[in-house]
C-alpha cells in the first residue's frame, strides 16, 4: 500500500496505523540473519516439509551463531584495535580486578594494573602520576581504559 498524499483522509490514517504496526527488529547476531534469509528464500519451509516434526537443529545452530558473532564483533566495538593479547598473568590479575572492583574508586594498585594492561594490549602508555584519584577528568580516562579492556577481557571467555 502506497502512502496517500493527503494526510486528512481516512486512507492516510489507515496507512499510518498499518505502518506503526510494522516494527523493525534489530537482529541479535549472525544466527538471526541466517534464519531471516532461509525464511525469505523458502529454504526453511522446504526443510520443515522434508523433515516434518523432527528437530532439524536450526534453533541450536542459530544460538551458536549468535554467540559466536557476539564474541567476535565485541572485539571491534572497542575504539582501538588490540595490538597484543593479555599475558596469562595479566589476564588473571585483570580478572581478579574485575571481580572485586568498586565503582568510582581506584586504589594505586588498581590504577597501576589498568595502566599496565592497557599498555600491553593497546600499546598506549599512560602514567599513574598523571592521574589523580579524586579528579573527574582522571576518572573519565580510567573508565574509558577499563571499558576497552573489559571488551577484550570478555572476548577471551567465549
N, C-alpha and C. Protein backbone atom coordinates (compact mmCIF):
# COMPACT_ATOMS: atom_id res chain seq x y z
N UNK A 1 0.85 -1.17 0.00
CA UNK A 1 0.00 0.00 0.00
C UNK A 1 0.90 1.23 0.00
N UNK A 2 0.63 2.14 -0.90
CA UNK A 2 1.41 3.38 -1.02
C UNK A 2 0.86 4.43 -0.07
N UNK A 3 1.74 5.34 0.34
CA UNK A 3 1.33 6.40 1.26
C UNK A 3 0.44 7.39 0.52
N UNK A 4 -0.78 7.61 1.05
CA UNK A 4 -1.65 8.62 0.44
C UNK A 4 -1.04 10.01 0.61
N UNK A 5 -1.27 10.87 -0.37
CA UNK A 5 -0.68 12.20 -0.34
C UNK A 5 -1.38 13.14 0.62
N UNK A 6 -2.69 13.00 0.75
CA UNK A 6 -3.45 13.90 1.62
C UNK A 6 -3.57 13.28 3.02
N UNK A 7 -2.96 13.93 4.00
CA UNK A 7 -2.94 13.41 5.35
C UNK A 7 -4.27 13.58 6.08
N UNK A 8 -5.20 14.26 5.49
CA UNK A 8 -6.51 14.47 6.13
C UNK A 8 -7.48 13.35 5.83
N UNK A 9 -7.14 12.43 4.95
CA UNK A 9 -8.08 11.40 4.52
C UNK A 9 -8.06 10.18 5.45
N UNK A 10 -9.11 9.39 5.32
CA UNK A 10 -9.22 8.14 6.08
C UNK A 10 -8.16 7.14 5.63
N UNK A 11 -7.85 7.13 4.33
CA UNK A 11 -6.86 6.22 3.79
C UNK A 11 -5.48 6.47 4.42
N UNK A 12 -5.16 7.76 4.63
CA UNK A 12 -3.86 8.07 5.22
C UNK A 12 -3.79 7.58 6.67
N UNK A 13 -4.88 7.76 7.41
CA UNK A 13 -4.93 7.31 8.81
C UNK A 13 -4.79 5.79 8.89
N UNK A 14 -5.44 5.08 7.98
CA UNK A 14 -5.32 3.62 7.95
C UNK A 14 -3.90 3.21 7.57
N UNK A 15 -3.32 3.89 6.61
CA UNK A 15 -1.95 3.61 6.19
C UNK A 15 -0.98 3.86 7.35
N UNK A 16 -1.16 4.96 8.07
CA UNK A 16 -0.29 5.31 9.20
C UNK A 16 -0.39 4.26 10.30
N UNK A 17 -1.61 3.81 10.60
CA UNK A 17 -1.80 2.78 11.62
C UNK A 17 -1.12 1.48 11.21
N UNK A 18 -1.19 1.15 9.93
CA UNK A 18 -0.53 -0.05 9.42
C UNK A 18 0.99 0.08 9.54
N UNK A 19 1.54 1.25 9.27
CA UNK A 19 2.98 1.47 9.36
C UNK A 19 3.47 1.35 10.81
N UNK A 20 2.65 1.80 11.75
CA UNK A 20 3.02 1.71 13.15
C UNK A 20 3.00 0.27 13.64
N UNK A 21 2.19 -0.58 13.02
CA UNK A 21 2.15 -1.99 13.39
C UNK A 21 3.39 -2.74 12.91
N UNK A 22 3.97 -2.27 11.83
CA UNK A 22 5.16 -2.91 11.28
C UNK A 22 6.37 -2.38 12.03
N UNK A 23 7.04 -3.25 12.75
CA UNK A 23 8.23 -2.82 13.50
C UNK A 23 9.44 -3.57 12.99
N UNK A 24 10.54 -2.88 12.99
CA UNK A 24 11.80 -3.49 12.59
C UNK A 24 12.52 -3.96 13.83
N UNK A 25 12.92 -5.21 13.84
CA UNK A 25 13.66 -5.75 14.98
C UNK A 25 15.09 -5.98 14.56
N UNK A 26 16.00 -5.35 15.28
CA UNK A 26 17.43 -5.50 15.01
C UNK A 26 17.83 -6.94 15.28
N UNK A 27 18.52 -7.60 14.35
CA UNK A 27 18.92 -8.98 14.60
C UNK A 27 19.95 -9.05 15.73
N UNK A 28 19.87 -10.14 16.51
CA UNK A 28 20.81 -10.33 17.62
C UNK A 28 22.19 -10.71 17.12
N UNK A 29 22.27 -11.36 16.00
CA UNK A 29 23.56 -11.79 15.51
C UNK A 29 23.44 -12.51 14.18
N UNK A 30 24.49 -13.20 13.83
CA UNK A 30 24.56 -13.91 12.55
C UNK A 30 23.48 -14.99 12.44
N UNK A 31 23.15 -15.64 13.56
CA UNK A 31 22.12 -16.68 13.55
C UNK A 31 20.76 -16.14 13.13
N UNK A 32 20.43 -14.94 13.60
CA UNK A 32 19.15 -14.32 13.21
C UNK A 32 19.15 -13.94 11.73
N UNK A 33 20.28 -13.47 11.24
CA UNK A 33 20.39 -13.10 9.83
C UNK A 33 20.20 -14.33 8.95
N UNK A 34 20.85 -15.44 9.33
CA UNK A 34 20.72 -16.68 8.55
C UNK A 34 19.28 -17.17 8.59
N UNK A 35 18.63 -17.07 9.76
CA UNK A 35 17.24 -17.50 9.87
C UNK A 35 16.32 -16.67 8.96
N UNK A 36 16.49 -15.36 8.97
CA UNK A 36 15.67 -14.50 8.10
C UNK A 36 15.91 -14.82 6.63
N UNK A 37 17.16 -15.08 6.28
CA UNK A 37 17.49 -15.42 4.89
C UNK A 37 16.81 -16.71 4.48
N UNK A 38 16.90 -17.75 5.35
CA UNK A 38 16.29 -19.03 4.98
C UNK A 38 14.76 -18.94 4.91
N UNK A 39 14.17 -18.09 5.75
CA UNK A 39 12.71 -17.89 5.66
C UNK A 39 12.34 -17.16 4.37
N UNK A 40 13.09 -16.12 4.04
CA UNK A 40 12.78 -15.31 2.86
C UNK A 40 12.96 -16.10 1.57
N UNK A 41 13.93 -16.99 1.54
CA UNK A 41 14.19 -17.75 0.31
C UNK A 41 13.38 -19.04 0.22
N UNK A 42 12.71 -19.39 1.32
CA UNK A 42 11.89 -20.61 1.30
C UNK A 42 12.65 -21.86 1.71
N UNK A 43 13.90 -21.72 2.06
CA UNK A 43 14.70 -22.89 2.46
C UNK A 43 14.16 -23.48 3.75
N UNK A 44 13.80 -22.63 4.70
CA UNK A 44 13.29 -23.11 5.99
C UNK A 44 12.00 -23.91 5.80
N UNK A 45 11.09 -23.40 4.97
CA UNK A 45 9.84 -24.11 4.72
C UNK A 45 10.10 -25.45 4.05
N UNK A 46 11.05 -25.49 3.12
CA UNK A 46 11.40 -26.73 2.42
C UNK A 46 11.97 -27.75 3.40
N UNK A 47 12.86 -27.31 4.26
CA UNK A 47 13.45 -28.22 5.25
C UNK A 47 12.37 -28.75 6.19
N UNK A 48 11.48 -27.88 6.65
CA UNK A 48 10.41 -28.32 7.54
C UNK A 48 9.48 -29.31 6.85
N UNK A 49 9.27 -29.11 5.55
CA UNK A 49 8.41 -30.02 4.80
C UNK A 49 9.06 -31.39 4.65
N UNK A 50 10.36 -31.41 4.40
CA UNK A 50 11.07 -32.68 4.23
C UNK A 50 11.22 -33.40 5.56
N UNK A 51 11.63 -32.68 6.60
CA UNK A 51 11.90 -33.32 7.89
C UNK A 51 10.62 -33.61 8.65
N UNK A 52 9.66 -32.74 8.55
CA UNK A 52 8.40 -32.95 9.27
C UNK A 52 8.50 -32.46 10.70
N UNK A 53 8.09 -33.31 11.65
CA UNK A 53 8.06 -32.92 13.06
C UNK A 53 9.40 -33.06 13.76
N UNK A 54 10.38 -33.67 13.12
CA UNK A 54 11.69 -33.86 13.74
C UNK A 54 12.41 -32.52 13.91
N UNK A 55 13.26 -32.47 14.93
CA UNK A 55 14.05 -31.26 15.17
C UNK A 55 15.24 -31.26 14.21
N UNK A 56 15.35 -30.21 13.42
CA UNK A 56 16.44 -30.13 12.45
C UNK A 56 17.70 -29.49 13.04
N UNK A 57 17.61 -28.94 14.25
CA UNK A 57 18.76 -28.32 14.89
C UNK A 57 18.94 -26.86 14.54
N UNK A 58 17.96 -26.28 13.86
CA UNK A 58 18.07 -24.88 13.44
C UNK A 58 18.19 -23.92 14.63
N UNK A 59 17.38 -24.14 15.66
CA UNK A 59 17.41 -23.23 16.82
C UNK A 59 18.76 -23.30 17.53
N UNK A 60 19.29 -24.50 17.69
CA UNK A 60 20.59 -24.66 18.34
C UNK A 60 21.68 -23.99 17.50
N UNK A 61 21.63 -24.19 16.20
CA UNK A 61 22.62 -23.59 15.29
C UNK A 61 22.50 -22.07 15.32
N UNK A 62 21.27 -21.57 15.36
CA UNK A 62 21.04 -20.13 15.43
C UNK A 62 21.67 -19.54 16.69
N UNK A 63 21.44 -20.19 17.84
CA UNK A 63 22.00 -19.72 19.11
C UNK A 63 23.53 -19.74 19.09
N UNK A 64 24.11 -20.80 18.52
CA UNK A 64 25.57 -20.88 18.45
C UNK A 64 26.14 -19.78 17.56
N UNK A 65 25.50 -19.53 16.43
CA UNK A 65 25.98 -18.46 15.54
C UNK A 65 25.83 -17.09 16.20
N UNK A 66 24.75 -16.87 16.94
CA UNK A 66 24.57 -15.61 17.65
C UNK A 66 25.66 -15.41 18.70
N UNK A 67 25.97 -16.46 19.47
CA UNK A 67 27.02 -16.36 20.49
C UNK A 67 28.38 -16.10 19.85
N UNK A 68 28.66 -16.82 18.76
CA UNK A 68 29.94 -16.62 18.09
C UNK A 68 30.06 -15.21 17.55
N UNK A 69 29.03 -14.74 16.87
CA UNK A 69 29.11 -13.41 16.27
C UNK A 69 29.18 -12.32 17.34
N UNK A 70 28.53 -12.53 18.48
CA UNK A 70 28.60 -11.55 19.57
C UNK A 70 30.02 -11.43 20.11
N UNK A 71 30.66 -12.56 20.35
CA UNK A 71 32.03 -12.51 20.89
C UNK A 71 33.01 -12.00 19.83
N UNK A 72 32.78 -12.36 18.58
CA UNK A 72 33.67 -11.92 17.50
C UNK A 72 33.55 -10.41 17.28
N UNK A 73 32.32 -9.92 17.25
CA UNK A 73 32.11 -8.50 16.99
C UNK A 73 32.47 -7.61 18.17
N UNK A 74 32.47 -8.16 19.38
CA UNK A 74 32.82 -7.35 20.55
C UNK A 74 34.26 -6.84 20.45
N UNK A 75 35.10 -7.56 19.75
CA UNK A 75 36.49 -7.11 19.57
C UNK A 75 36.55 -5.82 18.76
N UNK A 76 35.58 -5.59 17.89
CA UNK A 76 35.63 -4.43 17.01
C UNK A 76 34.80 -3.26 17.53
N UNK A 77 34.11 -3.43 18.66
CA UNK A 77 33.35 -2.34 19.24
C UNK A 77 34.25 -1.40 20.02
N UNK A 78 35.43 -1.84 20.30
CA UNK A 78 36.40 -1.00 21.01
C UNK A 78 36.85 0.11 20.08
N UNK A 79 37.18 1.25 20.67
CA UNK A 79 37.65 2.36 19.85
C UNK A 79 39.01 2.04 19.22
N UNK A 80 39.77 1.25 19.93
CA UNK A 80 41.10 0.88 19.46
C UNK A 80 41.11 -0.62 19.18
N UNK A 81 41.88 -0.98 18.22
CA UNK A 81 42.04 -2.39 17.92
C UNK A 81 43.18 -2.94 18.78
N UNK A 82 42.95 -4.05 19.47
CA UNK A 82 44.02 -4.60 20.30
C UNK A 82 45.26 -4.93 19.46
N UNK A 83 46.41 -4.59 20.02
CA UNK A 83 47.67 -4.84 19.34
C UNK A 83 48.23 -6.20 19.75
N UNK A 84 48.16 -6.48 21.06
CA UNK A 84 48.67 -7.73 21.60
C UNK A 84 47.65 -8.34 22.53
N UNK A 85 47.85 -9.61 22.86
CA UNK A 85 46.96 -10.31 23.80
C UNK A 85 47.41 -10.04 25.23
N UNK A 86 46.50 -10.30 26.16
CA UNK A 86 46.87 -10.31 27.56
C UNK A 86 47.91 -11.42 27.78
N UNK A 87 48.84 -11.20 28.65
CA UNK A 87 49.68 -12.32 29.09
C UNK A 87 48.83 -13.11 30.08
N UNK A 88 49.14 -14.39 30.29
CA UNK A 88 48.34 -15.16 31.26
C UNK A 88 48.30 -14.51 32.65
N UNK A 89 49.42 -13.93 33.07
CA UNK A 89 49.48 -13.29 34.39
C UNK A 89 48.58 -12.05 34.43
N UNK A 90 48.67 -11.21 33.40
CA UNK A 90 47.84 -10.00 33.35
C UNK A 90 46.37 -10.36 33.22
N UNK A 91 46.07 -11.40 32.44
CA UNK A 91 44.68 -11.84 32.29
C UNK A 91 44.10 -12.25 33.64
N UNK A 92 44.86 -13.03 34.40
CA UNK A 92 44.39 -13.48 35.71
C UNK A 92 44.26 -12.30 36.68
N UNK A 93 45.24 -11.41 36.66
CA UNK A 93 45.20 -10.25 37.55
C UNK A 93 44.02 -9.33 37.19
N UNK A 94 43.80 -9.12 35.89
CA UNK A 94 42.67 -8.27 35.47
C UNK A 94 41.34 -8.94 35.81
N UNK A 95 41.27 -10.25 35.68
CA UNK A 95 40.06 -10.97 36.05
C UNK A 95 39.75 -10.81 37.53
N UNK A 96 40.77 -10.88 38.39
CA UNK A 96 40.57 -10.65 39.82
C UNK A 96 40.12 -9.23 40.09
N UNK A 97 40.69 -8.29 39.35
CA UNK A 97 40.30 -6.88 39.48
C UNK A 97 38.84 -6.69 39.10
N UNK A 98 38.40 -7.32 37.99
CA UNK A 98 37.02 -7.19 37.53
C UNK A 98 36.05 -7.72 38.58
N UNK A 99 36.41 -8.81 39.23
CA UNK A 99 35.52 -9.41 40.23
C UNK A 99 35.41 -8.56 41.50
N UNK A 100 36.47 -7.83 41.83
CA UNK A 100 36.49 -7.12 43.12
C UNK A 100 36.43 -5.60 42.99
N UNK A 101 36.38 -5.07 41.78
CA UNK A 101 36.45 -3.61 41.64
C UNK A 101 35.19 -2.93 42.19
N UNK A 102 35.39 -1.69 42.59
CA UNK A 102 34.27 -0.89 43.06
C UNK A 102 34.14 0.33 42.14
N UNK A 103 32.92 0.77 41.96
CA UNK A 103 32.66 1.89 41.07
C UNK A 103 33.12 3.18 41.75
N UNK A 104 33.73 4.03 40.98
CA UNK A 104 34.14 5.37 41.41
C UNK A 104 35.30 5.42 42.41
N UNK A 105 36.01 4.33 42.60
CA UNK A 105 37.20 4.43 43.43
C UNK A 105 38.26 3.45 42.92
N UNK A 106 39.46 3.95 42.83
CA UNK A 106 40.58 3.16 42.37
C UNK A 106 41.71 3.28 43.37
N UNK A 107 42.27 2.16 43.75
CA UNK A 107 43.46 2.21 44.59
C UNK A 107 44.66 2.41 43.67
N UNK A 108 45.77 2.70 44.26
CA UNK A 108 47.00 2.86 43.48
C UNK A 108 47.32 1.57 42.72
N UNK A 109 47.07 0.44 43.38
CA UNK A 109 47.30 -0.88 42.77
C UNK A 109 46.39 -1.08 41.55
N UNK A 110 45.09 -0.68 41.68
CA UNK A 110 44.14 -0.81 40.57
C UNK A 110 44.57 0.04 39.38
N UNK A 111 44.96 1.27 39.66
CA UNK A 111 45.38 2.17 38.58
C UNK A 111 46.59 1.61 37.86
N UNK A 112 47.55 1.10 38.62
CA UNK A 112 48.76 0.53 38.01
C UNK A 112 48.40 -0.67 37.13
N UNK A 113 47.51 -1.53 37.63
CA UNK A 113 47.10 -2.71 36.86
C UNK A 113 46.41 -2.30 35.56
N UNK A 114 45.46 -1.37 35.64
CA UNK A 114 44.74 -0.93 34.44
C UNK A 114 45.71 -0.33 33.43
N UNK A 115 46.62 0.50 33.91
CA UNK A 115 47.60 1.14 33.01
C UNK A 115 48.51 0.09 32.37
N UNK A 116 48.97 -0.87 33.17
CA UNK A 116 49.85 -1.92 32.65
C UNK A 116 49.13 -2.78 31.60
N UNK A 117 47.90 -3.15 31.91
CA UNK A 117 47.12 -3.97 30.96
C UNK A 117 46.87 -3.20 29.67
N UNK A 118 46.50 -1.93 29.81
CA UNK A 118 46.21 -1.12 28.62
C UNK A 118 47.46 -0.94 27.77
N UNK A 119 48.59 -0.73 28.43
CA UNK A 119 49.85 -0.57 27.70
C UNK A 119 50.19 -1.85 26.94
N UNK A 120 49.95 -2.99 27.55
CA UNK A 120 50.24 -4.28 26.91
C UNK A 120 49.30 -4.53 25.72
N UNK A 121 48.01 -4.37 25.95
CA UNK A 121 47.02 -4.75 24.93
C UNK A 121 46.94 -3.74 23.80
N UNK A 122 46.96 -2.44 24.10
CA UNK A 122 46.76 -1.43 23.08
C UNK A 122 48.01 -0.65 22.70
N UNK A 123 49.14 -0.97 23.34
CA UNK A 123 50.42 -0.30 23.06
C UNK A 123 50.30 1.22 23.18
N UNK A 124 49.58 1.65 24.21
CA UNK A 124 49.44 3.08 24.51
C UNK A 124 49.75 3.26 25.99
N UNK A 125 50.70 4.11 26.28
CA UNK A 125 51.18 4.26 27.64
C UNK A 125 50.53 5.45 28.35
N UNK A 126 50.02 5.22 29.54
CA UNK A 126 49.58 6.26 30.45
C UNK A 126 50.48 6.17 31.69
N UNK A 127 50.59 7.25 32.42
CA UNK A 127 51.41 7.24 33.64
C UNK A 127 50.51 7.52 34.83
N UNK A 128 50.68 6.71 35.88
CA UNK A 128 49.83 6.86 37.07
C UNK A 128 50.04 8.20 37.75
N UNK A 129 51.23 8.78 37.62
CA UNK A 129 51.49 10.08 38.27
C UNK A 129 50.65 11.19 37.63
N UNK A 130 50.16 10.96 36.38
CA UNK A 130 49.34 11.95 35.70
C UNK A 130 47.86 11.83 36.03
N UNK A 131 47.50 10.78 36.74
CA UNK A 131 46.09 10.52 37.06
C UNK A 131 45.88 10.60 38.57
N UNK A 132 45.18 11.62 39.01
CA UNK A 132 44.87 11.70 40.44
C UNK A 132 43.60 10.90 40.72
N UNK A 133 43.44 10.41 41.94
CA UNK A 133 42.30 9.55 42.27
C UNK A 133 41.02 10.34 42.49
N UNK A 134 41.10 11.64 42.72
CA UNK A 134 39.90 12.41 43.03
C UNK A 134 39.43 13.31 41.88
N UNK A 135 40.20 13.39 40.84
CA UNK A 135 39.88 14.28 39.71
C UNK A 135 38.87 13.62 38.79
N UNK A 136 37.85 14.36 38.38
CA UNK A 136 36.82 13.81 37.49
C UNK A 136 37.38 13.50 36.10
N UNK A 137 38.32 14.30 35.64
CA UNK A 137 38.94 14.03 34.34
C UNK A 137 39.71 12.73 34.33
N UNK A 138 40.41 12.46 35.42
CA UNK A 138 41.14 11.20 35.54
C UNK A 138 40.18 10.02 35.61
N UNK A 139 39.06 10.22 36.30
CA UNK A 139 38.06 9.15 36.40
C UNK A 139 37.52 8.80 35.02
N UNK A 140 37.29 9.79 34.19
CA UNK A 140 36.80 9.52 32.82
C UNK A 140 37.82 8.72 32.04
N UNK A 141 39.09 9.06 32.20
CA UNK A 141 40.14 8.31 31.50
C UNK A 141 40.18 6.87 31.99
N UNK A 142 40.12 6.67 33.31
CA UNK A 142 40.14 5.32 33.85
C UNK A 142 38.91 4.52 33.42
N UNK A 143 37.74 5.15 33.38
CA UNK A 143 36.54 4.48 32.88
C UNK A 143 36.73 4.03 31.43
N UNK A 144 37.27 4.92 30.61
CA UNK A 144 37.49 4.60 29.20
C UNK A 144 38.45 3.42 29.05
N UNK A 145 39.53 3.45 29.81
CA UNK A 145 40.51 2.37 29.74
C UNK A 145 39.89 1.04 30.17
N UNK A 146 39.12 1.06 31.27
CA UNK A 146 38.53 -0.19 31.75
C UNK A 146 37.43 -0.69 30.81
N UNK A 147 36.68 0.21 30.18
CA UNK A 147 35.66 -0.23 29.22
C UNK A 147 36.30 -0.97 28.05
N UNK A 148 37.38 -0.40 27.51
CA UNK A 148 38.05 -1.04 26.38
C UNK A 148 38.72 -2.34 26.79
N UNK A 149 39.31 -2.37 27.96
CA UNK A 149 39.92 -3.60 28.44
C UNK A 149 38.86 -4.67 28.73
N UNK A 150 37.70 -4.25 29.24
CA UNK A 150 36.62 -5.20 29.51
C UNK A 150 36.16 -5.90 28.23
N UNK A 151 36.09 -5.15 27.14
CA UNK A 151 35.68 -5.75 25.86
C UNK A 151 36.67 -6.84 25.45
N UNK A 152 37.94 -6.55 25.58
CA UNK A 152 38.95 -7.54 25.21
C UNK A 152 38.91 -8.71 26.19
N UNK A 153 38.84 -8.42 27.48
CA UNK A 153 38.81 -9.46 28.51
C UNK A 153 37.61 -10.39 28.29
N UNK A 154 36.44 -9.83 28.05
CA UNK A 154 35.23 -10.64 27.86
C UNK A 154 35.28 -11.45 26.58
N UNK A 155 36.02 -11.01 25.59
CA UNK A 155 36.12 -11.79 24.34
C UNK A 155 36.92 -13.07 24.55
N UNK A 156 37.74 -13.12 25.58
CA UNK A 156 38.51 -14.33 25.87
C UNK A 156 37.64 -15.43 26.46
N UNK A 157 36.55 -15.06 27.11
CA UNK A 157 35.71 -16.01 27.80
C UNK A 157 35.00 -16.98 26.85
N UNK A 158 34.76 -16.54 25.66
CA UNK A 158 33.97 -17.34 24.71
C UNK A 158 34.77 -18.46 24.11
